[in-house]
Amino acid sequence: MFELKSPGKIFLLGEYACIAGGPALVSAIAPSYSLSVTKSEDGKVHFPVEIAPASPAGVFLLQHIKDFSGLRLKWNDPSATSMGTGSSSAQFLLSVLALAKIQNKPEPKPAEVLELYWRIVGESQGLRPSGLDLLAQLANATVVAKNSPEVVVEKISPWSAQKSGAGFLLAFTGAKVKTHDHLVSLKARGFPEKFTKNISALN
């Protein structure tokens, strides 16, 4: 029927400031994740085993299971391992976009995607995630974004490796701290209240 793609993401600046409503510089990166939707052979709904039922994408899909009746969703992660470059946020984003397509609705706006995400996640991860990575993936660009007092996503022209000879090399160390655990740890340390001066310096 159709296939949707989302780039990965990486926070370049402001990953902590944005949790407290400050701005962040976030970039979409290659390779892309994909979610394909086809008719199921048995008429039942089939969700990807790679999407955990308790994850934001898993919760969203289960909330809308009737809309996906008779469909098979297949997830593709080119890296085949969790490296912290946006697989979880891509799963959520593509699930939201897939539902809109199935319902013949327009692609949701950044603020709508973020509101859906926050409604599901809340503060279950200790601190509420900024969700700005979702917005960079939705824009498929390098963006300066904020989520407070309103959602602002501004695409910027990233510096070109061809013009400047500069670029990024991302190296996976094999160690990945789960976002949930990290946010719980930050809250236990008094973030953001005890880090007001530090955050102000980042804004």
C-alpha atoms as a PDB file:
ATOM      1  CA  MET A   1       0.000   0.000   0.000  1.00  0.00           C
ATOM      2  CA  PHE A   2       2.560   2.577   1.106  1.00  0.00           C
ATOM      3  CA  GLU A   3       5.910   3.130   2.811  1.00  0.00           C
ATOM      4  CA  LEU A   4       6.928   6.065   4.989  1.00  0.00           C
ATOM      5  CA  LYS A   5      10.463   7.123   5.835  1.00  0.00           C
ATOM      6  CA  SER A   6      12.039   9.145   8.603  1.00  0.00           C
ATOM      7  CA  PRO A   7      15.660  10.231   8.988  1.00  0.00           C
ATOM      8  CA  GLY A   8      17.598   9.658  12.163  1.00  0.00           C
ATOM      9  CA  LYS A   9      18.435  12.613  14.401  1.00  0.00           C
ATOM     10  CA  ILE A  10      21.154  14.067  16.545  1.00  0.00           C
ATOM     11  CA  PHE A  11      21.140  16.956  19.016  1.00  0.00           C
ATOM     12  CA  LEU A  12      23.997  19.324  18.176  1.00  0.00           C
ATOM     13  CA  LEU A  13      23.363  21.990  20.841  1.00  0.00           C
ATOM     14  CA  GLY A  14      20.857  22.572  23.613  1.00  0.00           C
ATOM     15  CA  GLU A  15      19.821  19.017  24.450  1.00  0.00           C
ATOM     16  CA  TYR A  16      19.473  19.967  28.124  1.00  0.00           C
ATOM     17  CA  ALA A  17      18.280  23.549  27.684  1.00  0.00           C
ATOM     18  CA  CYS A  18      15.339  22.392  25.569  1.00  0.00           C
ATOM     19  CA  ILE A  19      14.020  20.131  28.349  1.00  0.00           C
ATOM     20  CA  ALA A  20      13.440  23.345  30.300  1.00  0.00           C
ATOM     21  CA  GLY A  21      11.865  25.126  27.314  1.00  0.00           C
ATOM     22  CA  GLY A  22      15.021  26.563  25.780  1.00  0.00           C
ATOM     23  CA  PRO A  23      16.101  26.279  22.148  1.00  0.00           C
ATOM     24  CA  ALA A  24      18.065  23.435  20.598  1.00  0.00           C
ATOM     25  CA  LEU A  25      19.901  22.820  17.368  1.00  0.00           C
ATOM     26  CA  VAL A  26      18.865  19.413  16.061  1.00  0.00           C
ATOM     27  CA  SER A  27      19.744  17.769  12.780  1.00  0.00           C
ATOM     28  CA  ALA A  28      18.162  15.015  10.744  1.00  0.00           C
ATOM     29  CA  ILE A  29      20.787  12.470   9.682  1.00  0.00           C
ATOM     30  CA  ALA A  30      21.110   9.450   7.427  1.00  0.00           C
ATOM     31  CA  PRO A  31      20.313   6.614   7.168  1.00  0.00           C
ATOM     32  CA  SER A  32      16.531   6.609   7.177  1.00  0.00           C
ATOM     33  CA  TYR A  33      14.126   4.363   9.066  1.00  0.00           C
ATOM     34  CA  SER A  34      10.999   3.138   7.313  1.00  0.00           C
ATOM     35  CA  LEU A  35       7.540   1.810   8.102  1.00  0.00           C
ATOM     36  CA  SER A  36       5.605  -0.019   5.390  1.00  0.00           C
ATOM     37  CA  VAL A  37       1.883  -0.710   5.530  1.00  0.00           C
ATOM     38  CA  THR A  38       0.308  -3.538   3.511  1.00  0.00           C
ATOM     39  CA  LYS A  39      -2.887  -5.600   3.639  1.00  0.00           C
ATOM     40  CA  SER A  40      -2.506  -8.581   5.958  1.00  0.00           C
ATOM     41  CA  GLU A  41      -3.082 -12.045   4.544  1.00  0.00           C
ATOM     42  CA  ASP A  42      -5.344 -13.157   7.399  1.00  0.00           C
ATOM     43  CA  GLY A  43      -7.316  -9.918   7.756  1.00  0.00           C
ATOM     44  CA  LYS A  44      -5.902  -9.261  11.216  1.00  0.00           C
ATOM     45  CA  VAL A  45      -3.731  -6.387  12.405  1.00  0.00           C
ATOM     46  CA  HIS A  46      -0.012  -7.063  12.690  1.00  0.00           C
ATOM     47  CA  PHE A  47       2.292  -4.585  14.405  1.00  0.00           C
ATOM     48  CA  PRO A  48       6.105  -4.849  14.153  1.00  0.00           C
ATOM     49  CA  VAL A  49       7.721  -6.927  16.897  1.00  0.00           C
ATOM     50  CA  GLU A  50      10.462  -4.269  17.033  1.00  0.00           C
ATOM     51  CA  ILE A  51       7.977  -1.742  18.424  1.00  0.00           C
ATOM     52  CA  ALA A  52       7.600  -2.416  22.149  1.00  0.00           C
ATOM     53  CA  PRO A  53       3.971  -2.198  23.366  1.00  0.00           C
ATOM     54  CA  ALA A  54       5.015   0.142  26.217  1.00  0.00           C
ATOM     55  CA  SER A  55       6.960   2.508  23.937  1.00  0.00           C
ATOM     56  CA  PRO A  56       5.327   5.752  22.731  1.00  0.00           C
ATOM     57  CA  ALA A  57       4.767   4.209  19.286  1.00  0.00           C
ATOM     58  CA  GLY A  58       3.437   0.993  20.815  1.00  0.00           C
ATOM     59  CA  VAL A  59       0.972   2.850  23.027  1.00  0.00           C
ATOM     60  CA  PHE A  60      -0.170   5.009  20.095  1.00  0.00           C
ATOM     61  CA  LEU A  61      -0.709   2.011  17.815  1.00  0.00           C
ATOM     62  CA  LEU A  62      -2.673   0.121  20.458  1.00  0.00           C
ATOM     63  CA  GLN A  63      -4.850   3.200  21.041  1.00  0.00           C
ATOM     64  CA  HIS A  64      -5.739   3.146  17.339  1.00  0.00           C
ATOM     65  CA  ILE A  65      -5.738  -0.603  16.739  1.00  0.00           C
ATOM     66  CA  LYS A  66      -9.169  -0.512  15.062  1.00  0.00           C
ATOM     67  CA  ASP A  67      -7.888   1.942  12.456  1.00  0.00           C
ATOM     68  CA  PHE A  68      -5.128  -0.503  11.515  1.00  0.00           C
ATOM     69  CA  SER A  69      -7.496  -3.499  11.265  1.00  0.00           C
ATOM     70  CA  GLY A  70      -6.542  -5.828   8.417  1.00  0.00           C
ATOM     71  CA  LEU A  71      -3.142  -4.221   7.954  1.00  0.00           C
ATOM     72  CA  ARG A  72       0.440  -5.386   8.448  1.00  0.00           C
ATOM     73  CA  LEU A  73       3.060  -2.872   9.555  1.00  0.00           C
ATOM     74  CA  LYS A  74       6.714  -3.647   8.900  1.00  0.00           C
ATOM     75  CA  TRP A  75       9.540  -1.717  10.542  1.00  0.00           C
ATOM     76  CA  ASN A  76      12.986  -1.341   9.019  1.00  0.00           C
ATOM     77  CA  ASP A  77      16.000  -0.089  10.965  1.00  0.00           C
ATOM     78  CA  PRO A  78      19.083  -0.010   8.702  1.00  0.00           C
ATOM     79  CA  SER A  79      21.423  -0.065  11.697  1.00  0.00           C
ATOM     80  CA  ALA A  80      19.562  -2.986  13.323  1.00  0.00           C
ATOM     81  CA  THR A  81      20.673  -1.780  16.750  1.00  0.00           C
ATOM     82  CA  SER A  82      19.744   1.009  19.134  1.00  0.00           C
ATOM     83  CA  MET A  83      22.390   3.732  18.796  1.00  0.00           C
ATOM     84  CA  GLY A  84      20.483   6.714  20.131  1.00  0.00           C
ATOM     85  CA  THR A  85      20.016   8.263  16.696  1.00  0.00           C
ATOM     86  CA  GLY A  86      16.231   8.363  16.687  1.00  0.00           C
ATOM     87  CA  SER A  87      14.759   4.905  16.158  1.00  0.00           C
ATOM     88  CA  SER A  88      12.192   5.275  18.945  1.00  0.00           C
ATOM     89  CA  SER A  89      11.114   8.774  17.899  1.00  0.00           C
ATOM     90  CA  ALA A  90      10.983   7.636  14.260  1.00  0.00           C
ATOM     91  CA  GLN A  91       8.713   4.745  15.236  1.00  0.00           C
ATOM     92  CA  PHE A  92       6.327   7.169  16.899  1.00  0.00           C
ATOM     93  CA  LEU A  93       6.467   9.743  14.110  1.00  0.00           C
ATOM     94  CA  LEU A  94       5.874   7.196  11.346  1.00  0.00           C
ATOM     95  CA  SER A  95       3.014   5.589  13.275  1.00  0.00           C
ATOM     96  CA  VAL A  96       1.331   9.008  13.535  1.00  0.00           C
ATOM     97  CA  LEU A  97       1.904   9.729   9.831  1.00  0.00           C
ATOM     98  CA  ALA A  98       0.644   6.254   8.875  1.00  0.00           C
ATOM     99  CA  LEU A  99      -2.599   6.796  10.777  1.00  0.00           C
ATOM    100  CA  ALA A 100      -3.139  10.169   9.077  1.00  0.00           C
ATOM    101  CA  LYS A 101      -2.616   8.546   5.678  1.00  0.00           C
ATOM    102  CA  ILE A 102      -5.011   5.693   6.464  1.00  0.00           C
ATOM    103  CA  GLN A 103      -7.647   8.170   7.618  1.00  0.00           C
ATOM    104  CA  ASN A 104      -7.053  10.347   4.524  1.00  0.00           C
ATOM    105  CA  LYS A 105      -6.123  13.283   6.721  1.00  0.00           C
ATOM    106  CA  PRO A 106      -3.390  15.869   6.043  1.00  0.00           C
ATOM    107  CA  GLU A 107       0.021  15.426   7.617  1.00  0.00           C
ATOM    108  CA  PRO A 108      -0.161  16.737  11.186  1.00  0.00           C
ATOM    109  CA  LYS A 109       1.668  19.959  11.981  1.00  0.00           C
ATOM    110  CA  PRO A 110       4.703  19.990  14.321  1.00  0.00           C
ATOM    111  CA  ALA A 111       2.692  21.254  17.298  1.00  0.00           C
ATOM    112  CA  GLU A 112       0.098  18.503  16.765  1.00  0.00           C
ATOM    113  CA  VAL A 113       2.740  15.770  16.639  1.00  0.00           C
ATOM    114  CA  LEU A 114       4.374  17.119  19.780  1.00  0.00           C
ATOM    115  CA  GLU A 115       1.047  17.312  21.617  1.00  0.00           C
ATOM    116  CA  LEU A 116       0.262  13.683  20.725  1.00  0.00           C
ATOM    117  CA  TYR A 117       3.707  12.635  21.931  1.00  0.00           C
ATOM    118  CA  TRP A 118       3.448  14.519  25.227  1.00  0.00           C
ATOM    119  CA  ARG A 119      -0.050  13.191  25.831  1.00  0.00           C
ATOM    120  CA  ILE A 120       1.303   9.635  25.687  1.00  0.00           C
ATOM    121  CA  VAL A 121       4.651  10.134  27.388  1.00  0.00           C
ATOM    122  CA  GLY A 122       3.729  12.747  29.999  1.00  0.00           C
ATOM    123  CA  GLU A 123       6.319  12.683  32.769  1.00  0.00           C
ATOM    124  CA  SER A 124       6.490   8.894  32.836  1.00  0.00           C
ATOM    125  CA  GLN A 125      10.168   9.221  31.926  1.00  0.00           C
ATOM    126  CA  GLY A 126      11.000  11.303  34.982  1.00  0.00           C
ATOM    127  CA  LEU A 127      11.126  14.580  33.088  1.00  0.00           C
ATOM    128  CA  ARG A 128       8.991  15.288  30.059  1.00  0.00           C
ATOM    129  CA  PRO A 129      11.141  14.845  26.921  1.00  0.00           C
ATOM    130  CA  SER A 130      11.489  17.954  24.784  1.00  0.00           C
ATOM    131  CA  GLY A 131      10.277  16.149  21.661  1.00  0.00           C
ATOM    132  CA  LEU A 132      12.408  18.413  19.474  1.00  0.00           C
ATOM    133  CA  ASP A 133      14.064  15.389  17.896  1.00  0.00           C
ATOM    134  CA  LEU A 134      10.640  14.417  16.539  1.00  0.00           C
ATOM    135  CA  LEU A 135      10.291  17.842  14.988  1.00  0.00           C
ATOM    136  CA  ALA A 136      13.689  17.662  13.261  1.00  0.00           C
ATOM    137  CA  GLN A 137      12.766  14.250  11.869  1.00  0.00           C
ATOM    138  CA  LEU A 138       9.382  15.548  10.706  1.00  0.00           C
ATOM    139  CA  ALA A 139      11.092  18.495   8.984  1.00  0.00           C
ATOM    140  CA  ASN A 140      13.846  16.209   7.616  1.00  0.00           C
ATOM    141  CA  ALA A 141      16.270  19.062   8.133  1.00  0.00           C
ATOM    142  CA  THR A 142      18.632  20.803  10.495  1.00  0.00           C
ATOM    143  CA  VAL A 143      16.445  22.993  12.681  1.00  0.00           C
ATOM    144  CA  VAL A 144      16.527  25.446  15.535  1.00  0.00           C
ATOM    145  CA  ALA A 145      13.484  24.544  17.601  1.00  0.00           C
ATOM    146  CA  LYS A 146      11.693  25.431  20.824  1.00  0.00           C
ATOM    147  CA  ASN A 147       8.656  23.941  22.518  1.00  0.00           C
ATOM    148  CA  SER A 148       7.799  26.806  24.884  1.00  0.00           C
ATOM    149  CA  PRO A 149       5.913  29.113  25.121  1.00  0.00           C
ATOM    150  CA  GLU A 150       4.908  27.898  21.654  1.00  0.00           C
ATOM    151  CA  VAL A 151       6.289  25.374  19.208  1.00  0.00           C
ATOM    152  CA  VAL A 152       8.788  26.974  16.836  1.00  0.00           C
ATOM    153  CA  VAL A 153      10.690  25.041  14.168  1.00  0.00           C
ATOM    154  CA  GLU A 154      13.032  26.998  11.923  1.00  0.00           C
ATOM    155  CA  LYS A 155      14.954  25.197   9.211  1.00  0.00           C
ATOM    156  CA  ILE A 156      18.506  26.383   8.737  1.00  0.00           C
ATOM    157  CA  SER A 157      21.057  25.742   6.045  1.00  0.00           C
ATOM    158  CA  PRO A 158      23.613  23.347   7.532  1.00  0.00           C
ATOM    159  CA  TRP A 159      27.230  24.005   6.744  1.00  0.00           C
ATOM    160  CA  SER A 160      28.215  22.100   3.656  1.00  0.00           C
ATOM    161  CA  ALA A 161      31.003  19.555   3.794  1.00  0.00           C
ATOM    162  CA  GLN A 162      31.541  20.103   0.076  1.00  0.00           C
ATOM    163  CA  LYS A 163      32.089  23.838   0.536  1.00  0.00           C
ATOM    164  CA  SER A 164      34.020  23.875   3.795  1.00  0.00           C
ATOM    165  CA  GLY A 165      35.573  20.443   3.894  1.00  0.00           C
ATOM    166  CA  ALA A 166      33.997  19.961   7.326  1.00  0.00           C
ATOM    167  CA  GLY A 167      31.598  17.284   8.404  1.00  0.00           C
ATOM    168  CA  PHE A 168      30.557  14.910  11.147  1.00  0.00           C
ATOM    169  CA  LEU A 169      31.662  11.401  11.893  1.00  0.00           C
ATOM    170  CA  LEU A 170      29.401   9.625  14.384  1.00  0.00           C
ATOM    171  CA  ALA A 171      31.027   6.737  16.192  1.00  0.00           C
ATOM    172  CA  PHE A 172      28.913   4.284  18.182  1.00  0.00           C
ATOM    173  CA  THR A 173      30.676   3.253  21.384  1.00  0.00           C
ATOM    174  CA  GLY A 174      28.439   0.248  21.968  1.00  0.00           C
ATOM    175  CA  ALA A 175      27.026   1.855  25.123  1.00  0.00           C
ATOM    176  CA  LYS A 176      23.578   3.465  25.014  1.00  0.00           C
ATOM    177  CA  VAL A 177      21.898   5.024  28.029  1.00  0.00           C
ATOM    178  CA  LYS A 178      18.122   4.674  27.727  1.00  0.00           C
ATOM    179  CA  THR A 179      16.403   8.055  27.506  1.00  0.00           C
ATOM    180  CA  HIS A 180      13.935   7.002  30.205  1.00  0.00           C
ATOM    181  CA  ASP A 181      16.727   6.170  32.661  1.00  0.00           C
ATOM    182  CA  HIS A 182      18.613   9.360  31.855  1.00  0.00           C
ATOM    183  CA  LEU A 183      15.580  11.598  32.402  1.00  0.00           C
ATOM    184  CA  VAL A 184      14.760   9.852  35.680  1.00  0.00           C
ATOM    185  CA  SER A 185      18.365  10.448  36.783  1.00  0.00           C
ATOM    186  CA  LEU A 186      18.185  14.138  35.830  1.00  0.00           C
ATOM    187  CA  LYS A 187      15.006  14.629  37.830  1.00  0.00           C
ATOM    188  CA  ALA A 188      16.552  12.925  40.854  1.00  0.00           C
ATOM    189  CA  ARG A 189      19.452  15.419  40.654  1.00  0.00           C
ATOM    190  CA  GLY A 190      17.045  18.358  40.753  1.00  0.00           C
ATOM    191  CA  PHE A 191      17.027  19.236  37.066  1.00  0.00           C
ATOM    192  CA  PRO A 192      16.044  21.820  35.936  1.00  0.00           C
ATOM    193  CA  GLU A 193      15.401  23.796  39.150  1.00  0.00           C
ATOM    194  CA  LYS A 194      18.921  23.369  40.559  1.00  0.00           C
ATOM    195  CA  PHE A 195      20.545  24.186  37.222  1.00  0.00           C
ATOM    196  CA  THR A 196      18.865  27.507  36.420  1.00  0.00           C
ATOM    197  CA  LYS A 197      22.136  29.412  35.965  1.00  0.00           C
ATOM    198  CA  ASN A 198      23.582  26.726  33.703  1.00  0.00           C
ATOM    199  CA  ILE A 199      20.451  26.614  31.570  1.00  0.00           C
ATOM    200  CA  SER A 200      20.330  30.416  31.280  1.00  0.00           C
ATOM    201  CA  ALA A 201      23.854  30.327  29.880  1.00  0.00           C
ATOM    202  CA  LEU A 202      22.686  27.915  27.163  1.00  0.00           C
ATOM    203  CA  ASN A 203      19.689  30.009  26.063  1.00  0.00           C
END
